Amino acid sequence: MERRKLSTEEIEAGLSRLPGWTLAGGKLHKDFSFKNFVEAFGFMSSVALVAEAMNHHPDWSNVYNKVTIDLSTHDLGGVSTFDLELASRIDKLRH
């Protein structure tokens, strides 16, 4: 996959295929809720494996049953094709 910074229009088109994701502070953003901490942590472990395989890592936080994920490509200075792909893969982990 080509790794390149996306235009605002490309980001908006990508977000239309990613329910619940928004653009916030120049990053793709989504909040996830789980039954408990164990489910949240399990989800984060699954995301970590996908992110490591892509060599593209999220900015994220966890408080009990909540996981917040922000995606951007720091070395490109914005949202890239990799961010949309990682967001899509993250969503597939929830189904």
C-alpha atoms as a PDB file:
ATOM      1  CA  MET A   1       0.000   0.000   0.000  1.00  0.00           C
ATOM      2  CA  GLU A   2       1.245   3.443  -0.918  1.00  0.00           C
ATOM      3  CA  ARG A   3       1.767   5.623   2.138  1.00  0.00           C
ATOM      4  CA  ARG A   4       0.839   9.238   1.409  1.00  0.00           C
ATOM      5  CA  LYS A   5      -0.786  12.176   3.124  1.00  0.00           C
ATOM      6  CA  LEU A   6      -4.443  12.618   2.213  1.00  0.00           C
ATOM      7  CA  SER A   7      -6.342  15.751   1.226  1.00  0.00           C
ATOM      8  CA  THR A   8      -9.355  16.897   3.241  1.00  0.00           C
ATOM      9  CA  GLU A   9     -11.638  15.522   0.538  1.00  0.00           C
ATOM     10  CA  GLU A  10      -9.923  12.125   0.610  1.00  0.00           C
ATOM     11  CA  ILE A  11     -10.175  12.009   4.399  1.00  0.00           C
ATOM     12  CA  GLU A  12     -13.890  12.857   4.287  1.00  0.00           C
ATOM     13  CA  ALA A  13     -14.479  10.155   1.658  1.00  0.00           C
ATOM     14  CA  GLY A  14     -12.611   7.647   3.819  1.00  0.00           C
ATOM     15  CA  LEU A  15     -14.563   8.617   6.934  1.00  0.00           C
ATOM     16  CA  SER A  16     -17.824   7.978   5.084  1.00  0.00           C
ATOM     17  CA  ARG A  17     -16.807   4.284   5.071  1.00  0.00           C
ATOM     18  CA  LEU A  18     -15.757   4.253   8.743  1.00  0.00           C
ATOM     19  CA  PRO A  19     -18.797   4.622  11.030  1.00  0.00           C
ATOM     20  CA  GLY A  20     -18.035   6.360  14.311  1.00  0.00           C
ATOM     21  CA  TRP A  21     -14.661   7.752  13.221  1.00  0.00           C
ATOM     22  CA  THR A  22     -14.284  11.529  13.048  1.00  0.00           C
ATOM     23  CA  LEU A  23     -11.552  14.013  12.227  1.00  0.00           C
ATOM     24  CA  ALA A  24     -10.475  15.740  15.439  1.00  0.00           C
ATOM     25  CA  GLY A  25      -7.353  17.808  15.892  1.00  0.00           C
ATOM     26  CA  GLY A  26      -6.009  16.689  12.522  1.00  0.00           C
ATOM     27  CA  LYS A  27      -6.301  12.993  13.450  1.00  0.00           C
ATOM     28  CA  LEU A  28      -8.785  10.208  12.872  1.00  0.00           C
ATOM     29  CA  HIS A  29     -10.556   9.710  16.202  1.00  0.00           C
ATOM     30  CA  LYS A  30     -12.844   7.102  17.740  1.00  0.00           C
ATOM     31  CA  ASP A  31     -13.970   6.146  21.240  1.00  0.00           C
ATOM     32  CA  PHE A  32     -14.735   2.504  22.010  1.00  0.00           C
ATOM     33  CA  SER A  33     -16.669   1.125  24.993  1.00  0.00           C
ATOM     34  CA  PHE A  34     -16.562  -2.408  26.366  1.00  0.00           C
ATOM     35  CA  LYS A  35     -18.243  -4.390  29.145  1.00  0.00           C
ATOM     36  CA  ASN A  36     -15.196  -4.194  31.376  1.00  0.00           C
ATOM     37  CA  PHE A  37     -11.449  -3.625  31.576  1.00  0.00           C
ATOM     38  CA  VAL A  38     -10.557  -7.151  30.436  1.00  0.00           C
ATOM     39  CA  GLU A  39     -12.491  -6.739  27.174  1.00  0.00           C
ATOM     40  CA  ALA A  40     -10.966  -3.289  26.593  1.00  0.00           C
ATOM     41  CA  PHE A  41      -7.463  -4.597  27.213  1.00  0.00           C
ATOM     42  CA  GLY A  42      -8.057  -7.622  24.976  1.00  0.00           C
ATOM     43  CA  PHE A  43      -9.159  -5.284  22.191  1.00  0.00           C
ATOM     44  CA  MET A  44      -6.035  -3.173  22.675  1.00  0.00           C
ATOM     45  CA  SER A  45      -3.879  -6.307  22.464  1.00  0.00           C
ATOM     46  CA  SER A  46      -5.531  -7.252  19.176  1.00  0.00           C
ATOM     47  CA  VAL A  47      -5.051  -3.737  17.801  1.00  0.00           C
ATOM     48  CA  ALA A  48      -1.404  -3.813  18.895  1.00  0.00           C
ATOM     49  CA  LEU A  49      -0.754  -6.925  16.794  1.00  0.00           C
ATOM     50  CA  VAL A  50      -2.347  -5.361  13.706  1.00  0.00           C
ATOM     51  CA  ALA A  51      -0.517  -2.062  14.238  1.00  0.00           C
ATOM     52  CA  GLU A  52       2.828  -3.798  14.683  1.00  0.00           C
ATOM     53  CA  ALA A  53       2.293  -5.856  11.515  1.00  0.00           C
ATOM     54  CA  MET A  54       1.628  -2.594   9.631  1.00  0.00           C
ATOM     55  CA  ASN A  55       4.456  -0.778  11.451  1.00  0.00           C
ATOM     56  CA  HIS A  56       1.902   1.970  12.083  1.00  0.00           C
ATOM     57  CA  HIS A  57       1.020   2.665  15.701  1.00  0.00           C
ATOM     58  CA  PRO A  58      -1.932   4.530  17.230  1.00  0.00           C
ATOM     59  CA  ASP A  59      -2.016   7.266  19.821  1.00  0.00           C
ATOM     60  CA  TRP A  60      -4.391   5.793  22.360  1.00  0.00           C
ATOM     61  CA  SER A  61      -5.533   5.678  25.932  1.00  0.00           C
ATOM     62  CA  ASN A  62      -7.523   3.346  28.139  1.00  0.00           C
ATOM     63  CA  VAL A  63      -9.569   4.067  31.245  1.00  0.00           C
ATOM     64  CA  TYR A  64     -11.341   0.987  32.617  1.00  0.00           C
ATOM     65  CA  ASN A  65     -13.777  -0.033  29.843  1.00  0.00           C
ATOM     66  CA  LYS A  66     -13.058   2.861  27.454  1.00  0.00           C
ATOM     67  CA  VAL A  67     -10.427   2.979  24.716  1.00  0.00           C
ATOM     68  CA  THR A  68      -9.732   6.180  22.785  1.00  0.00           C
ATOM     69  CA  ILE A  69      -7.792   5.926  19.531  1.00  0.00           C
ATOM     70  CA  ASP A  70      -6.293   8.735  17.444  1.00  0.00           C
ATOM     71  CA  LEU A  71      -4.541   8.012  14.153  1.00  0.00           C
ATOM     72  CA  SER A  72      -2.184  10.197  12.156  1.00  0.00           C
ATOM     73  CA  THR A  73       1.077   9.735  10.317  1.00  0.00           C
ATOM     74  CA  HIS A  74       3.541  11.876  12.196  1.00  0.00           C
ATOM     75  CA  ASP A  75       6.326  11.836   9.609  1.00  0.00           C
ATOM     76  CA  LEU A  76       3.878  12.954   6.878  1.00  0.00           C
ATOM     77  CA  GLY A  77       2.285  15.604   9.078  1.00  0.00           C
ATOM     78  CA  GLY A  78      -1.321  14.459   8.842  1.00  0.00           C
ATOM     79  CA  VAL A  79      -3.750  11.702   8.013  1.00  0.00           C
ATOM     80  CA  SER A  80      -2.477   9.178   5.472  1.00  0.00           C
ATOM     81  CA  THR A  81      -3.632   6.124   3.587  1.00  0.00           C
ATOM     82  CA  PHE A  82      -2.174   4.043   6.440  1.00  0.00           C
ATOM     83  CA  ASP A  83      -4.481   5.737   8.959  1.00  0.00           C
ATOM     84  CA  LEU A  84      -7.596   4.879   6.963  1.00  0.00           C
ATOM     85  CA  GLU A  85      -6.364   1.300   6.522  1.00  0.00           C
ATOM     86  CA  LEU A  86      -5.570   0.883  10.228  1.00  0.00           C
ATOM     87  CA  ALA A  87      -8.963   2.361  11.201  1.00  0.00           C
ATOM     88  CA  SER A  88     -10.662  -0.130   8.890  1.00  0.00           C
ATOM     89  CA  ARG A  89      -8.718  -3.038  10.367  1.00  0.00           C
ATOM     90  CA  ILE A  90      -9.493  -1.852  13.902  1.00  0.00           C
ATOM     91  CA  ASP A  91     -13.203  -1.780  13.106  1.00  0.00           C
ATOM     92  CA  LYS A  92     -13.039  -5.354  11.794  1.00  0.00           C
ATOM     93  CA  LEU A  93     -11.711  -6.468  15.193  1.00  0.00           C
ATOM     94  CA  ARG A  94     -14.997  -5.340  16.763  1.00  0.00           C
ATOM     95  CA  HIS A  95     -17.151  -7.610  14.576  1.00  0.00           C
END
